[in-house]
Amino acid sequence: MKSRKRSTSWTKLFERNMKTMTRMATASSARSRSRASPLATPLALAPGGGTWTPGVAMGATGVRRYRIYRPPGIGFGERLPLMVMLHGCGQDANRFALSTRMNQLAAKERFLVLYPEQDRIANAQGCWNWFDTDNGRAYGEAALIMNAIDQACLLYPGDRSKVAVAGLSAGASMAALLVARHPERFKAVVMHSGIPPGTAHSGLSALGAMHGRRETPPLVAATWPPLLVVHGAADHVVSPQNGRAAARVWAEAAGAKPGDERRVQRGQRHPMQVTDFKRRGRTMATLVAVDRLAHAWSGGAARQPYSDGQGPDASRMAWAFAARQFRS
């Protein structure tokens, strides 16, 4: 009983700190957007004549809502790749879709996009409880997300052999947890500004990890899918040390070695430092450290919270990375 009370108190402490940091991040992003956030118009969420459909995934630990985008013109019997997008704290499916503009890319490249949505009853700030492994809450949420993926492949034309998962912040950490528990189900994983698996197990340890004060243990990940890490060098919410740690432990577990770091800049966007970790010529992990990027989706819609329109396009990077794994 004492252990349960202690876990609950740490969880409450974590949620209070996340509330404070959410306010800080929102205030920071507000300087680069107008006072009024743009409304989620049907055209923006269902571009190109596609559909933006709600759904509910159920399981032993509860229910979670989701949204799925389907591009137009899907033929009878056609199966499309599926990109699973996990939002960060202070977001929902609509906001994350608007921020990342992944649906616009899906309309062009022809793939499905699934947006599971955290319940505010489960976490008042809308964060996925990726850290809460001591009492199993993290695993329950992971199971519900997997149920949503199964539904997307059953009810919609999703190709079960071509599934990738990407997330921002708490969503990135949950994406890594999904892959850790179900590596055979995913071809690629993208962590944007997240914390690697095994670094935290409770609310208190999650706070330490966010500030870069936790060591990430070695992973047993030889059969895990390749990882793309995108992290801002100016991120003061989740320390960039976490991005470096994620790529390092993933690569070490796969027996991959780092290549030379290269500087890449596209037009006037923030420059990035890119390092590939390869094993026998195949990229097992890629680290993209973006200069001047704070805790925001790189290259996202400029007027959305947690979004930096001056960064390199993380959505395009994520899809290109996943598409390479689908072809291999």
Protein backbone atom coordinates (compact mmCIF):
# COMPACT_ATOMS: atom_id res chain seq x y z
CA MET A 1 0.00 0.00 0.00
CA LYS A 2 2.83 2.42 0.86
CA SER A 3 4.48 1.67 -2.48
CA ARG A 4 1.24 2.40 -4.32
CA LYS A 5 0.77 5.71 -2.49
CA ARG A 6 4.36 6.70 -3.23
CA SER A 7 3.91 5.89 -6.95
CA THR A 8 0.70 7.92 -7.06
CA SER A 9 2.36 10.93 -5.42
CA TRP A 10 5.26 10.85 -7.88
CA THR A 11 2.81 10.61 -10.76
CA LYS A 12 0.96 13.67 -9.48
CA LEU A 13 4.27 15.51 -9.11
CA PHE A 14 5.16 14.62 -12.71
CA GLU A 15 1.79 15.83 -13.99
CA ARG A 16 2.12 19.13 -12.10
CA ASN A 17 5.57 19.70 -13.59
CA MET A 18 4.32 18.78 -17.06
CA LYS A 19 1.50 21.31 -16.64
CA THR A 20 4.05 24.01 -15.84
CA MET A 21 6.27 23.03 -18.77
CA THR A 22 3.27 22.87 -21.09
CA ARG A 23 2.42 26.47 -20.19
CA MET A 24 6.05 27.49 -20.78
CA ALA A 25 6.23 25.77 -24.16
CA THR A 26 2.90 27.21 -25.24
CA ALA A 27 3.98 30.71 -24.24
CA SER A 28 7.22 30.27 -26.17
CA SER A 29 5.49 29.08 -29.33
CA ALA A 30 2.92 31.87 -29.06
CA ARG A 31 5.61 34.40 -29.92
CA SER A 32 5.88 32.89 -33.41
CA ARG A 33 2.14 32.64 -34.16
CA SER A 34 -0.94 34.82 -33.97
CA ARG A 35 -3.03 35.12 -30.83
CA ALA A 36 -5.84 33.05 -32.29
CA SER A 37 -4.99 29.50 -33.34
CA PRO A 38 -6.37 28.49 -36.73
CA LEU A 39 -9.49 26.35 -36.69
CA ALA A 40 -9.26 22.71 -37.72
CA THR A 41 -10.96 23.02 -41.10
CA PRO A 42 -12.07 19.89 -42.98
CA LEU A 43 -9.86 20.89 -45.91
CA ALA A 44 -6.76 21.08 -43.72
CA LEU A 45 -7.42 17.72 -42.05
CA ALA A 46 -8.63 15.87 -45.15
CA PRO A 47 -6.59 17.31 -48.02
CA GLY A 48 -6.85 16.17 -51.60
CA GLY A 49 -10.37 14.82 -51.22
CA GLY A 50 -9.33 12.26 -48.62
CA THR A 51 -11.32 11.29 -45.52
CA TRP A 52 -10.74 12.14 -41.84
CA THR A 53 -12.56 9.44 -39.89
CA PRO A 54 -13.03 9.06 -36.11
CA GLY A 55 -12.81 5.72 -34.33
CA VAL A 56 -12.52 4.10 -30.92
CA ALA A 57 -10.14 1.34 -29.81
CA MET A 58 -11.19 -0.76 -26.83
CA GLY A 59 -9.25 -3.10 -24.59
CA ALA A 60 -8.92 -4.53 -21.11
CA THR A 61 -7.55 -1.22 -19.79
CA GLY A 62 -10.16 1.10 -21.28
CA VAL A 63 -10.82 2.93 -24.54
CA ARG A 64 -8.97 5.48 -26.65
CA ARG A 65 -10.26 7.56 -29.50
CA TYR A 66 -8.36 7.88 -32.75
CA ARG A 67 -8.56 9.56 -36.13
CA ILE A 68 -7.43 8.09 -39.41
CA TYR A 69 -6.67 9.84 -42.69
CA ARG A 70 -7.26 7.99 -45.95
CA PRO A 71 -6.12 9.44 -49.27
CA PRO A 72 -8.61 9.47 -52.14
CA GLY A 73 -8.87 6.90 -54.91
CA ILE A 74 -8.05 3.72 -52.98
CA GLY A 75 -8.73 0.79 -55.29
CA PHE A 76 -10.60 -2.40 -54.44
CA GLY A 77 -8.25 -4.80 -52.67
CA GLU A 78 -5.48 -2.18 -52.47
CA ARG A 79 -3.42 -2.08 -49.27
CA LEU A 80 -1.56 1.06 -48.25
CA PRO A 81 1.33 1.59 -45.82
CA LEU A 82 0.33 2.88 -42.38
CA MET A 83 2.06 5.69 -40.48
CA VAL A 84 1.06 5.86 -36.80
CA MET A 85 1.42 9.36 -35.31
CA LEU A 86 1.51 9.81 -31.52
CA HIS A 87 0.96 13.38 -30.33
CA GLY A 88 2.78 15.11 -27.50
CA CYS A 89 1.52 16.74 -24.30
CA GLY A 90 -1.02 19.53 -24.79
CA GLN A 91 -2.06 18.15 -28.19
CA ASP A 92 -4.76 15.92 -29.66
CA ALA A 93 -5.22 14.17 -33.01
CA ASN A 94 -6.51 17.30 -34.78
CA ARG A 95 -3.75 19.57 -33.50
CA PHE A 96 -1.01 17.07 -34.26
CA ALA A 97 -2.30 16.53 -37.79
CA LEU A 98 -2.43 20.29 -38.38
CA SER A 99 1.03 20.82 -36.90
CA THR A 100 2.85 18.04 -38.76
CA ARG A 101 0.87 18.32 -42.03
CA MET A 102 1.40 14.59 -42.40
CA ASN A 103 -2.01 14.22 -44.08
CA GLN A 104 -0.95 16.47 -46.93
CA LEU A 105 2.09 14.27 -47.45
CA ALA A 106 -0.04 11.13 -47.24
CA ALA A 107 -2.37 12.47 -49.94
CA LYS A 108 0.61 12.90 -52.24
CA GLU A 109 2.54 9.74 -51.38
CA ARG A 110 -0.54 7.52 -50.80
CA PHE A 111 -0.41 6.09 -47.30
CA LEU A 112 -2.75 5.97 -44.31
CA VAL A 113 -2.13 8.02 -41.18
CA LEU A 114 -3.45 6.88 -37.79
CA TYR A 115 -3.61 9.32 -34.85
CA PRO A 116 -4.39 7.60 -31.53
CA GLU A 117 -5.49 10.13 -28.92
CA GLN A 118 -4.77 10.19 -25.20
CA ASP A 119 -7.71 10.58 -22.83
CA ARG A 120 -7.53 13.63 -20.55
CA ILE A 121 -8.90 11.48 -17.74
CA ALA A 122 -5.82 9.26 -18.05
CA ASN A 123 -3.52 12.30 -18.12
CA ALA A 124 -4.76 15.84 -17.53
CA GLN A 125 -2.15 17.31 -19.91
CA GLY A 126 -2.88 14.83 -22.67
CA CYS A 127 0.52 13.13 -22.26
CA TRP A 128 0.94 9.45 -22.97
CA ASN A 129 1.96 7.75 -19.72
CA TRP A 130 5.01 6.12 -21.31
CA PHE A 131 6.97 6.42 -18.06
CA ASP A 132 4.46 4.67 -15.79
CA THR A 133 5.79 1.13 -16.10
CA ASP A 134 5.99 0.42 -12.36
CA ASN A 135 2.22 -0.01 -12.10
CA GLY A 136 1.64 -1.13 -15.70
CA ARG A 137 -0.28 1.93 -16.89
CA ALA A 138 2.19 2.49 -19.73
CA TYR A 139 1.73 -1.06 -20.98
CA GLY A 140 -2.07 -0.72 -20.87
CA GLU A 141 -1.94 2.37 -23.07
CA ALA A 142 0.49 0.65 -25.44
CA ALA A 143 -1.97 -2.24 -25.77
CA LEU A 144 -4.80 0.17 -26.64
CA ILE A 145 -2.66 1.80 -29.35
CA MET A 146 -1.88 -1.63 -30.78
CA ASN A 147 -5.63 -2.34 -30.85
CA ALA A 148 -6.12 0.88 -32.82
CA ILE A 149 -3.45 -0.26 -35.29
CA ASP A 150 -5.17 -3.63 -35.66
CA GLN A 151 -8.46 -1.86 -36.34
CA ALA A 152 -6.86 0.37 -38.96
CA CYS A 153 -5.54 -2.69 -40.78
CA LEU A 154 -8.83 -4.57 -40.45
CA LEU A 155 -11.43 -1.87 -41.14
CA TYR A 156 -9.36 0.22 -43.55
CA PRO A 157 -6.91 -0.83 -46.26
CA GLY A 158 -3.81 -0.83 -44.02
CA ASP A 159 -0.92 -3.12 -44.95
CA ARG A 160 0.13 -4.95 -41.77
CA SER A 161 3.57 -5.60 -43.28
CA LYS A 162 4.23 -1.86 -43.78
CA VAL A 163 3.62 -0.09 -40.48
CA ALA A 164 5.79 2.68 -39.04
CA VAL A 165 5.32 4.71 -35.86
CA ALA A 166 6.39 8.27 -35.10
CA GLY A 167 5.81 10.55 -32.14
CA LEU A 168 6.64 13.88 -30.56
CA SER A 169 7.85 14.22 -26.97
CA ALA A 170 5.72 11.88 -24.82
CA GLY A 171 4.44 10.43 -28.09
CA ALA A 172 8.01 9.66 -29.16
CA SER A 173 8.69 7.88 -25.88
CA MET A 174 5.47 5.88 -26.28
CA ALA A 175 6.48 5.02 -29.86
CA ALA A 176 9.73 3.56 -28.54
CA LEU A 177 7.82 1.59 -25.91
CA LEU A 178 5.51 0.16 -28.59
CA VAL A 179 8.49 -1.04 -30.60
CA ALA A 180 10.18 -2.46 -27.50
CA ARG A 181 7.11 -4.59 -26.80
CA HIS A 182 6.15 -5.43 -30.39
CA PRO A 183 9.28 -5.13 -32.59
CA GLU A 184 7.91 -7.54 -35.18
CA ARG A 185 4.96 -5.27 -35.92
CA PHE A 186 6.92 -2.23 -37.12
CA LYS A 187 9.28 -1.52 -40.00
CA ALA A 188 10.50 1.84 -38.69
CA VAL A 189 10.24 4.11 -35.65
CA VAL A 190 10.74 7.88 -35.47
CA MET A 191 11.42 9.63 -32.16
CA HIS A 192 11.09 13.42 -32.27
CA SER A 193 12.23 15.05 -29.00
CA GLY A 194 11.60 11.93 -26.89
CA ILE A 195 13.21 9.77 -24.24
CA PRO A 196 14.59 6.30 -25.05
CA PRO A 197 13.05 3.14 -23.57
CA GLY A 198 14.24 2.02 -20.16
CA THR A 199 15.36 5.51 -19.07
CA ALA A 200 12.36 6.10 -16.76
CA HIS A 201 9.90 3.90 -14.90
CA SER A 202 7.90 6.40 -12.80
CA GLY A 203 6.89 10.04 -12.64
CA LEU A 204 9.97 11.00 -10.63
CA SER A 205 12.44 9.22 -12.90
CA ALA A 206 10.70 10.72 -15.95
CA LEU A 207 11.39 14.22 -14.65
CA GLY A 208 15.04 13.35 -14.22
CA ALA A 209 15.18 11.87 -17.71
CA MET A 210 13.62 14.96 -19.27
CA HIS A 211 16.44 17.04 -17.82
CA GLY A 212 19.10 14.56 -19.00
CA ARG A 213 19.85 13.28 -15.49
CA ARG A 214 19.11 9.60 -16.12
CA GLU A 215 21.31 6.96 -17.72
CA THR A 216 19.77 4.87 -20.50
CA PRO A 217 20.51 1.17 -19.96
CA PRO A 218 21.71 -1.04 -22.82
CA LEU A 219 18.95 -2.43 -25.02
CA VAL A 220 18.41 -5.93 -26.34
CA ALA A 221 17.30 -4.71 -29.74
CA ALA A 222 19.08 -6.77 -32.41
CA THR A 223 15.78 -7.47 -34.20
CA TRP A 224 14.20 -4.07 -33.68
CA PRO A 225 13.36 -1.87 -36.69
CA PRO A 226 15.61 1.03 -37.70
CA LEU A 227 15.29 4.26 -35.71
CA LEU A 228 15.25 7.90 -36.80
CA VAL A 229 15.85 10.44 -34.04
CA VAL A 230 15.09 14.14 -34.54
CA HIS A 231 15.90 16.45 -31.65
CA GLY A 232 16.34 20.20 -31.27
CA ALA A 233 19.67 21.48 -29.98
CA ALA A 234 17.77 24.26 -28.14
CA ASP A 235 15.22 21.96 -26.48
CA HIS A 236 14.87 22.96 -22.81
CA VAL A 237 11.91 20.66 -22.09
CA VAL A 238 13.45 17.33 -23.09
CA SER A 239 17.24 17.46 -23.01
CA PRO A 240 19.00 16.79 -26.35
CA GLN A 241 21.07 14.25 -24.43
CA ASN A 242 18.08 11.93 -24.74
CA GLY A 243 18.21 12.03 -28.53
CA ARG A 244 21.88 11.16 -28.53
CA ALA A 245 21.31 8.38 -26.02
CA ALA A 246 18.45 6.89 -28.04
CA ALA A 247 20.50 6.66 -31.23
CA ARG A 248 23.56 5.35 -29.39
CA VAL A 249 21.91 2.51 -27.44
CA TRP A 250 19.77 1.51 -30.45
CA ALA A 251 22.85 1.32 -32.65
CA GLU A 252 24.91 -0.54 -30.05
CA ALA A 253 22.19 -3.16 -29.62
CA ALA A 254 22.09 -3.68 -33.40
CA GLY A 255 25.87 -3.81 -33.72
CA ALA A 256 25.95 -0.63 -35.82
CA LYS A 257 28.82 1.86 -35.97
CA PRO A 258 28.54 5.64 -36.36
CA GLY A 259 29.69 7.28 -39.57
CA ASP A 260 31.00 10.81 -39.93
CA GLU A 261 28.69 13.59 -38.81
CA ARG A 262 27.59 15.77 -41.71
CA ARG A 263 26.06 19.23 -41.71
CA VAL A 264 22.97 19.68 -43.87
CA GLN A 265 20.99 22.85 -44.51
CA ARG A 266 18.06 23.20 -46.90
CA GLY A 267 17.53 26.76 -48.03
CA GLN A 268 17.02 29.12 -45.10
CA ARG A 269 15.80 26.41 -42.70
CA HIS A 270 17.67 25.59 -39.49
CA PRO A 271 20.82 23.57 -40.24
CA MET A 272 21.09 20.02 -38.91
CA GLN A 273 23.87 17.65 -37.95
CA VAL A 274 23.19 14.15 -39.28
CA THR A 275 24.87 10.91 -38.14
CA ASP A 276 24.07 7.48 -39.57
CA PHE A 277 24.79 4.30 -37.63
CA LYS A 278 25.28 1.37 -39.99
CA ARG A 279 25.72 -2.38 -39.82
CA ARG A 280 27.00 -4.13 -42.95
CA GLY A 281 25.95 -1.16 -45.07
CA ARG A 282 22.42 -0.91 -43.67
CA THR A 283 21.36 2.10 -41.60
CA MET A 284 20.08 0.93 -38.21
CA ALA A 285 19.78 4.39 -36.63
CA THR A 286 20.01 8.00 -37.76
CA LEU A 287 20.43 10.99 -35.46
CA VAL A 288 19.33 14.41 -36.72
CA ALA A 289 20.29 17.22 -34.33
CA VAL A 290 18.61 20.46 -35.47
CA ASP A 291 20.30 23.76 -34.62
CA ARG A 292 18.13 26.43 -32.97
CA LEU A 293 15.14 24.07 -32.69
CA ALA A 294 13.35 24.08 -29.31
CA HIS A 295 10.68 21.60 -28.13
CA ALA A 296 8.67 21.62 -31.36
CA TRP A 297 7.97 19.57 -34.48
CA SER A 298 10.63 20.56 -36.98
CA GLY A 299 9.25 22.08 -40.17
CA GLY A 300 5.67 22.03 -38.91
CA ALA A 301 2.91 24.56 -39.45
CA ALA A 302 4.25 27.86 -38.15
CA ARG A 303 1.05 28.99 -36.39
CA GLN A 304 0.55 25.78 -34.40
CA PRO A 305 1.82 25.18 -30.85
CA TYR A 306 4.86 22.87 -30.54
CA SER A 307 5.71 23.54 -34.17
CA ASP A 308 8.64 25.35 -35.79
CA GLY A 309 8.18 26.23 -39.44
CA GLN A 310 11.86 27.22 -39.77
CA GLY A 311 13.15 23.72 -39.10
CA PRO A 312 13.85 21.03 -41.71
CA ASP A 313 10.69 19.10 -42.57
CA ALA A 314 10.49 16.27 -40.02
CA SER A 315 7.36 14.83 -41.64
CA ARG A 316 9.13 14.37 -44.96
CA MET A 317 12.16 12.92 -43.18
CA ALA A 318 9.96 10.51 -41.25
CA TRP A 319 8.09 9.29 -44.34
CA ALA A 320 11.27 8.99 -46.45
CA PHE A 321 12.92 6.98 -43.66
CA ALA A 322 9.89 4.68 -43.30
CA ALA A 323 9.47 4.25 -47.07
CA ARG A 324 13.08 3.04 -47.36
CA GLN A 325 12.38 0.35 -44.77
CA PHE A 326 9.17 -0.67 -46.56
CA ARG A 327 11.18 -1.24 -49.76
CA SER A 328 13.98 -3.21 -48.09
